[in-house]
Amino acid sequence: MPDKIPDYSGDTVSVAGQFNLLIAGKHDGLVDVMIFANINPTTRKIKLISIPRDLYYNNRKINSYYPLFGMDELKRVIGTISGYQIDKFVLIDMYAFIDVIDLIGGVDVHLDQAVIDPSYKTFDDGKWSTLYYRVGDYHLSGKQALRIARTRHSSSDFARANRQQIILKAIQTKAKEFGFGDAGTLNSIAQSVLSRTETDITLPEAIADYFRYQGFEIEGGNVLSTANVLESKFSGDLAEEECKDKLPAISSKESLEVMIEDKCTQEDKGQYLLVPKDDDWNILRWYFHQLIEN
């Protein structure tokens, strides 16, 4: 990181000819995955930038914006943080993720780090076990891919984000095998995804984008983390009034008290959060700018 960073504050911008997509994943209403995808038709590259769910913006974790305010607000906030306009979004449920991978016959991935999580219980072929993958090559079913994409207790959110990008790239690699002759499979995938997906992309747009971008190179490995522009910070005990500020408008005092009990949990009152180094949000915009425009 240079000693002096240009000022990238101001309105969000868009780069002519490029397309920015927010890819998000959820389970039980919680957003676990947030990936900023920049699609550049000139270079024929798709650059993936993972955003950790523990990033703390305007007195709340970034993944809380969806359950509190909806996907449009999360899209706007990530646009503000990155400095780039988000054109479209896809919020996919984990069960659709499983279905898509199974419908394309599984995916092939290489793990350059072992994935071991004794706390993650698995049930395969009638036997209970725990999550364990050595370094190596694997052909994964939808369920197996989801396990690798979600586990984090024995590694970190940053390592998990990198694995999520590896799986997305594997899905794209496998999808290249499908063409117009696979209309039945493509239709099944579309129906499965749409039934468990929130998006502002229409079905005709999705099909057109599939054929338009399927040959593009995916550039992964980009994760907002403490190794580049973030630092970890303990939140301390938030005052009740600060916690109230995190909540949407409430119609009555009784409803407010119930909402406080539900949303202002002990987890919110004391935890390690991620913030920009030196509390400078311009650093994050600089990071996105370097990846997208250089």
Protein backbone atom coordinates (compact mmCIF):
# COMPACT_ATOMS: atom_id res chain seq x y z
CA MET A 1 0.00 0.00 0.00
CA PRO A 2 1.48 3.39 -0.97
CA ASP A 3 2.25 6.07 1.64
CA LYS A 4 -0.18 8.48 0.01
CA ILE A 5 -3.46 7.30 -1.46
CA PRO A 6 -5.49 9.46 -3.89
CA ASP A 7 -8.89 10.63 -2.72
CA TYR A 8 -11.59 8.34 -4.10
CA SER A 9 -14.44 9.79 -2.05
CA GLY A 10 -17.56 11.05 -3.74
CA ASP A 11 -20.37 9.43 -5.68
CA THR A 12 -20.18 5.84 -6.81
CA VAL A 13 -18.96 5.50 -10.37
CA SER A 14 -19.39 3.08 -13.26
CA VAL A 15 -16.80 2.22 -15.89
CA ALA A 16 -18.07 2.38 -19.45
CA GLY A 17 -18.64 -1.06 -20.93
CA GLN A 18 -18.10 -2.90 -17.62
CA PHE A 19 -20.71 -4.63 -15.48
CA ASN A 20 -20.69 -5.04 -11.68
CA LEU A 21 -22.63 -7.86 -10.05
CA LEU A 22 -23.15 -8.53 -6.34
CA ILE A 23 -23.21 -12.27 -5.66
CA ALA A 24 -24.58 -13.09 -2.20
CA GLY A 25 -25.44 -16.32 -0.44
CA LYS A 26 -27.79 -16.85 2.48
CA HIS A 27 -28.95 -19.52 4.92
CA ASP A 28 -31.87 -19.06 7.33
CA GLY A 29 -32.06 -15.38 6.41
CA LEU A 30 -28.39 -14.68 7.21
CA VAL A 31 -26.06 -13.49 4.46
CA ASP A 32 -22.85 -15.55 4.71
CA VAL A 33 -21.37 -14.72 1.30
CA MET A 34 -20.83 -11.36 -0.40
CA ILE A 35 -18.75 -11.21 -3.58
CA PHE A 36 -18.31 -8.16 -5.80
CA ALA A 37 -17.89 -9.38 -9.40
CA ASN A 38 -16.51 -6.96 -12.01
CA ILE A 39 -17.11 -8.16 -15.59
CA ASN A 40 -14.90 -6.58 -18.25
CA PRO A 41 -15.80 -7.46 -21.88
CA THR A 42 -12.61 -5.77 -23.18
CA THR A 43 -10.21 -7.99 -21.21
CA ARG A 44 -12.72 -10.88 -21.06
CA LYS A 45 -12.08 -11.16 -17.33
CA ILE A 46 -14.33 -11.48 -14.30
CA LYS A 47 -12.64 -10.20 -11.15
CA LEU A 48 -14.04 -11.47 -7.84
CA ILE A 49 -13.59 -9.47 -4.62
CA SER A 50 -14.93 -11.03 -1.42
CA ILE A 51 -16.32 -8.80 1.32
CA PRO A 52 -16.26 -10.29 4.86
CA ARG A 53 -19.56 -10.41 6.70
CA ASP A 54 -17.93 -8.96 9.86
CA LEU A 55 -17.06 -5.67 8.14
CA TYR A 56 -18.50 -2.96 10.41
CA TYR A 57 -20.11 -0.03 8.60
CA ASN A 58 -22.26 2.73 10.14
CA ASN A 59 -22.57 0.96 13.52
CA ARG A 60 -23.62 -2.45 12.19
CA LYS A 61 -22.12 -5.52 10.59
CA ILE A 62 -22.54 -5.39 6.85
CA ASN A 63 -24.43 -8.68 6.64
CA SER A 64 -27.16 -7.25 8.90
CA TYR A 65 -28.28 -4.82 6.18
CA TYR A 66 -30.16 -7.50 4.26
CA PRO A 67 -32.39 -8.81 7.10
CA LEU A 68 -33.01 -5.28 8.41
CA PHE A 69 -33.43 -3.26 5.21
CA GLY A 70 -33.48 -5.58 2.19
CA MET A 71 -31.22 -6.39 -0.73
CA ASP A 72 -31.47 -3.00 -2.42
CA GLU A 73 -29.96 -1.35 0.65
CA LEU A 74 -27.15 -3.93 0.89
CA LYS A 75 -26.46 -3.32 -2.79
CA ARG A 76 -26.32 0.45 -2.20
CA VAL A 77 -24.01 0.11 0.84
CA ILE A 78 -21.53 -2.12 -0.97
CA GLY A 79 -21.58 0.34 -3.85
CA THR A 80 -20.72 3.13 -1.41
CA ILE A 81 -17.92 1.12 0.22
CA SER A 82 -16.37 0.04 -3.08
CA GLY A 83 -16.89 3.33 -4.89
CA TYR A 84 -18.47 1.47 -7.82
CA GLN A 85 -22.10 1.23 -8.86
CA ILE A 86 -23.59 -2.25 -8.47
CA ASP A 87 -25.60 -2.93 -11.62
CA LYS A 88 -27.34 -6.16 -10.60
CA PHE A 89 -27.47 -8.61 -7.71
CA VAL A 90 -28.09 -12.30 -7.11
CA LEU A 91 -28.95 -13.61 -3.63
CA ILE A 92 -28.98 -17.40 -3.69
CA ASP A 93 -30.13 -19.80 -1.00
CA MET A 94 -27.74 -22.61 -0.06
CA TYR A 95 -30.17 -25.30 -1.25
CA ALA A 96 -30.19 -23.85 -4.78
CA PHE A 97 -26.38 -23.86 -4.61
CA ILE A 98 -26.49 -27.62 -3.91
CA ASP A 99 -28.98 -28.24 -6.73
CA VAL A 100 -26.97 -26.33 -9.35
CA ILE A 101 -23.77 -28.27 -8.65
CA ASP A 102 -25.60 -31.60 -8.65
CA LEU A 103 -27.40 -30.77 -11.92
CA ILE A 104 -24.09 -30.09 -13.69
CA GLY A 105 -22.63 -33.34 -12.36
CA GLY A 106 -20.47 -31.96 -9.56
CA VAL A 107 -17.35 -29.79 -9.73
CA ASP A 108 -13.61 -30.42 -9.69
CA VAL A 109 -11.49 -28.35 -7.30
CA HIS A 110 -7.93 -28.30 -6.00
CA LEU A 111 -7.40 -27.50 -2.32
CA ASP A 112 -3.96 -26.10 -1.60
CA GLN A 113 -4.75 -26.01 2.11
CA ALA A 114 -6.36 -28.75 4.18
CA VAL A 115 -9.94 -28.14 5.33
CA ILE A 116 -10.40 -29.61 8.80
CA ASP A 117 -13.25 -28.71 11.14
CA PRO A 118 -13.92 -31.08 14.08
CA SER A 119 -17.02 -29.04 14.99
CA TYR A 120 -18.65 -29.55 11.55
CA LYS A 121 -20.65 -32.78 11.71
CA THR A 122 -21.19 -34.69 8.45
CA PHE A 123 -23.48 -37.60 7.59
CA ASP A 124 -22.58 -39.68 4.54
CA ASP A 125 -23.50 -43.24 3.60
CA GLY A 126 -25.21 -43.77 6.95
CA LYS A 127 -22.16 -42.71 9.00
CA TRP A 128 -21.48 -39.63 11.14
CA SER A 129 -18.09 -37.96 10.88
CA THR A 130 -16.51 -34.50 10.87
CA LEU A 131 -15.28 -32.34 8.03
CA TYR A 132 -11.83 -33.39 6.79
CA TYR A 133 -10.21 -32.75 3.40
CA ARG A 134 -6.48 -33.11 2.84
CA VAL A 135 -4.60 -30.99 0.32
CA GLY A 136 -5.36 -32.34 -3.15
CA ASP A 137 -7.85 -32.66 -5.99
CA TYR A 138 -11.52 -33.46 -5.40
CA HIS A 139 -14.70 -34.04 -7.36
CA LEU A 140 -17.41 -32.52 -5.16
CA SER A 141 -21.17 -32.96 -5.05
CA GLY A 142 -23.37 -30.00 -4.21
CA LYS A 143 -23.50 -30.96 -0.52
CA GLN A 144 -19.73 -31.42 -0.30
CA ALA A 145 -19.03 -28.12 -2.07
CA LEU A 146 -21.36 -26.29 0.30
CA ARG A 147 -19.54 -27.74 3.31
CA ILE A 148 -16.21 -26.45 2.05
CA ALA A 149 -17.74 -23.08 1.19
CA ARG A 150 -19.31 -22.61 4.64
CA THR A 151 -16.88 -23.97 7.23
CA ARG A 152 -14.69 -21.41 8.99
CA HIS A 153 -14.18 -22.49 12.61
CA SER A 154 -10.77 -24.08 12.05
CA SER A 155 -9.54 -21.47 9.56
CA SER A 156 -10.92 -17.96 9.00
CA ASP A 157 -13.53 -15.99 7.10
CA PHE A 158 -10.77 -14.95 4.70
CA ALA A 159 -9.79 -18.56 3.90
CA ARG A 160 -13.46 -19.41 3.50
CA ALA A 161 -13.96 -16.52 1.07
CA ASN A 162 -11.06 -17.79 -1.01
CA ARG A 163 -12.60 -21.30 -1.12
CA GLN A 164 -15.93 -19.81 -2.20
CA GLN A 165 -14.21 -18.16 -5.15
CA ILE A 166 -12.49 -21.45 -6.05
CA ILE A 167 -15.89 -23.18 -6.15
CA LEU A 168 -17.43 -20.40 -8.28
CA LYS A 169 -14.58 -20.79 -10.75
CA ALA A 170 -15.12 -24.57 -10.78
CA ILE A 171 -18.82 -24.06 -11.51
CA GLN A 172 -17.95 -21.80 -14.44
CA THR A 173 -15.42 -24.35 -15.76
CA LYS A 174 -18.01 -27.11 -15.65
CA ALA A 175 -20.70 -24.87 -17.15
CA LYS A 176 -18.53 -24.30 -20.23
CA GLU A 177 -19.38 -27.87 -21.24
CA PHE A 178 -23.04 -26.93 -21.63
CA GLY A 179 -24.35 -25.40 -24.83
CA PHE A 180 -27.60 -24.98 -26.72
CA GLY A 181 -27.87 -28.77 -26.98
CA ASP A 182 -28.24 -28.99 -23.20
CA ALA A 183 -31.43 -26.95 -23.07
CA GLY A 184 -33.15 -29.41 -20.72
CA THR A 185 -30.38 -29.25 -18.11
CA LEU A 186 -30.06 -25.49 -18.45
CA ASN A 187 -33.81 -25.10 -17.95
CA SER A 188 -33.70 -27.30 -14.83
CA ILE A 189 -30.84 -25.21 -13.45
CA ALA A 190 -32.70 -21.97 -14.19
CA GLN A 191 -35.89 -23.22 -12.52
CA SER A 192 -34.02 -24.45 -9.43
CA VAL A 193 -32.06 -21.23 -9.05
CA LEU A 194 -35.04 -18.94 -9.62
CA SER A 195 -37.17 -20.81 -7.05
CA ARG A 196 -34.67 -20.04 -4.30
CA THR A 197 -33.11 -16.82 -5.53
CA GLU A 198 -33.77 -13.12 -5.07
CA THR A 199 -32.44 -11.11 -8.02
CA ASP A 200 -33.09 -8.12 -10.24
CA ILE A 201 -31.91 -10.07 -13.31
CA THR A 202 -34.66 -11.35 -15.59
CA LEU A 203 -34.59 -14.90 -16.95
CA PRO A 204 -33.87 -13.74 -20.54
CA GLU A 205 -31.02 -11.57 -19.21
CA ALA A 206 -29.63 -14.51 -17.20
CA ILE A 207 -29.62 -16.83 -20.22
CA ALA A 208 -28.02 -14.18 -22.44
CA ASP A 209 -25.37 -13.43 -19.79
CA TYR A 210 -24.60 -17.14 -19.44
CA PHE A 211 -23.64 -17.48 -23.10
CA ARG A 212 -22.04 -14.02 -23.24
CA TYR A 213 -19.70 -14.50 -20.27
CA GLN A 214 -19.13 -18.26 -20.05
CA GLY A 215 -15.76 -18.03 -21.83
CA PHE A 216 -14.43 -15.20 -19.66
CA GLU A 217 -11.49 -15.86 -17.32
CA ILE A 218 -12.33 -15.67 -13.60
CA GLU A 219 -9.67 -13.93 -11.54
CA GLY A 220 -10.10 -14.85 -7.88
CA GLY A 221 -8.04 -14.64 -4.73
CA ASN A 222 -9.09 -11.06 -3.95
CA VAL A 223 -10.43 -10.79 -0.39
CA LEU A 224 -10.80 -7.73 1.81
CA SER A 225 -8.81 -8.85 4.87
CA THR A 226 -6.39 -7.91 7.63
CA ALA A 227 -3.61 -8.85 5.20
CA ASN A 228 -4.37 -5.80 3.06
CA VAL A 229 -6.79 -2.99 3.99
CA LEU A 230 -8.63 -4.13 7.15
CA GLU A 231 -7.87 -4.47 10.84
CA SER A 232 -9.64 -6.30 13.65
CA LYS A 233 -11.21 -4.28 16.43
CA PHE A 234 -13.13 -5.27 19.57
CA SER A 235 -16.48 -3.51 19.68
CA GLY A 236 -16.78 -3.41 23.47
CA ASP A 237 -20.16 -3.14 25.14
CA LEU A 238 -22.53 -1.16 22.97
CA ALA A 239 -24.95 1.03 24.86
CA GLU A 240 -28.60 0.18 24.49
CA GLU A 241 -29.25 3.48 22.74
CA GLU A 242 -26.59 2.67 20.12
CA CYS A 243 -28.19 -0.71 19.64
CA LYS A 244 -31.59 0.92 19.13
CA ASP A 245 -30.09 3.01 16.35
CA LYS A 246 -29.40 -0.22 14.46
CA LEU A 247 -33.08 -1.09 14.31
CA PRO A 248 -35.76 -0.06 11.80
CA ALA A 249 -38.62 2.24 12.80
CA ILE A 250 -40.93 0.61 15.37
CA SER A 251 -44.59 1.48 15.84
CA SER A 252 -44.83 0.99 19.63
CA LYS A 253 -42.73 0.81 22.80
CA GLU A 254 -43.69 -2.85 23.30
CA SER A 255 -42.59 -3.73 19.78
CA LEU A 256 -39.32 -1.89 20.33
CA GLU A 257 -38.60 -3.88 23.50
CA VAL A 258 -39.24 -7.16 21.70
CA MET A 259 -37.01 -6.07 18.80
CA ILE A 260 -34.20 -5.11 21.19
CA GLU A 261 -34.31 -8.55 22.80
CA ASP A 262 -34.25 -10.17 19.36
CA LYS A 263 -31.62 -8.04 17.63
CA CYS A 264 -29.44 -6.54 20.36
CA THR A 265 -28.00 -9.82 21.55
CA GLN A 266 -24.87 -10.36 23.56
CA GLU A 267 -23.10 -11.25 20.33
CA ASP A 268 -23.76 -7.71 19.12
CA LYS A 269 -22.59 -6.13 22.38
CA GLY A 270 -19.06 -7.51 22.41
CA GLN A 271 -17.25 -9.03 19.44
CA TYR A 272 -14.32 -8.67 17.12
CA LEU A 273 -15.24 -6.66 14.04
CA LEU A 274 -13.42 -5.67 10.88
CA VAL A 275 -12.83 -2.01 10.05
CA PRO A 276 -10.61 -0.16 7.55
CA LYS A 277 -7.05 0.49 8.65
CA ASP A 278 -6.85 3.83 10.46
CA ASP A 279 -10.66 4.02 10.08
CA ASP A 280 -10.10 5.31 6.56
CA TRP A 281 -12.83 4.08 4.19
CA ASN A 282 -10.95 5.65 1.28
CA ILE A 283 -8.47 2.77 1.59
CA LEU A 284 -11.19 0.31 0.59
CA ARG A 285 -12.13 2.39 -2.45
CA TRP A 286 -8.44 2.51 -3.40
CA TYR A 287 -8.26 -1.30 -3.15
CA PHE A 288 -11.24 -1.76 -5.48
CA HIS A 289 -9.87 0.87 -7.88
CA GLN A 290 -6.50 -0.90 -8.17
CA LEU A 291 -8.16 -4.22 -8.99
CA ILE A 292 -10.79 -2.91 -11.39
CA GLU A 293 -8.96 -0.23 -13.34
CA ASN A 294 -5.28 -1.29 -13.30
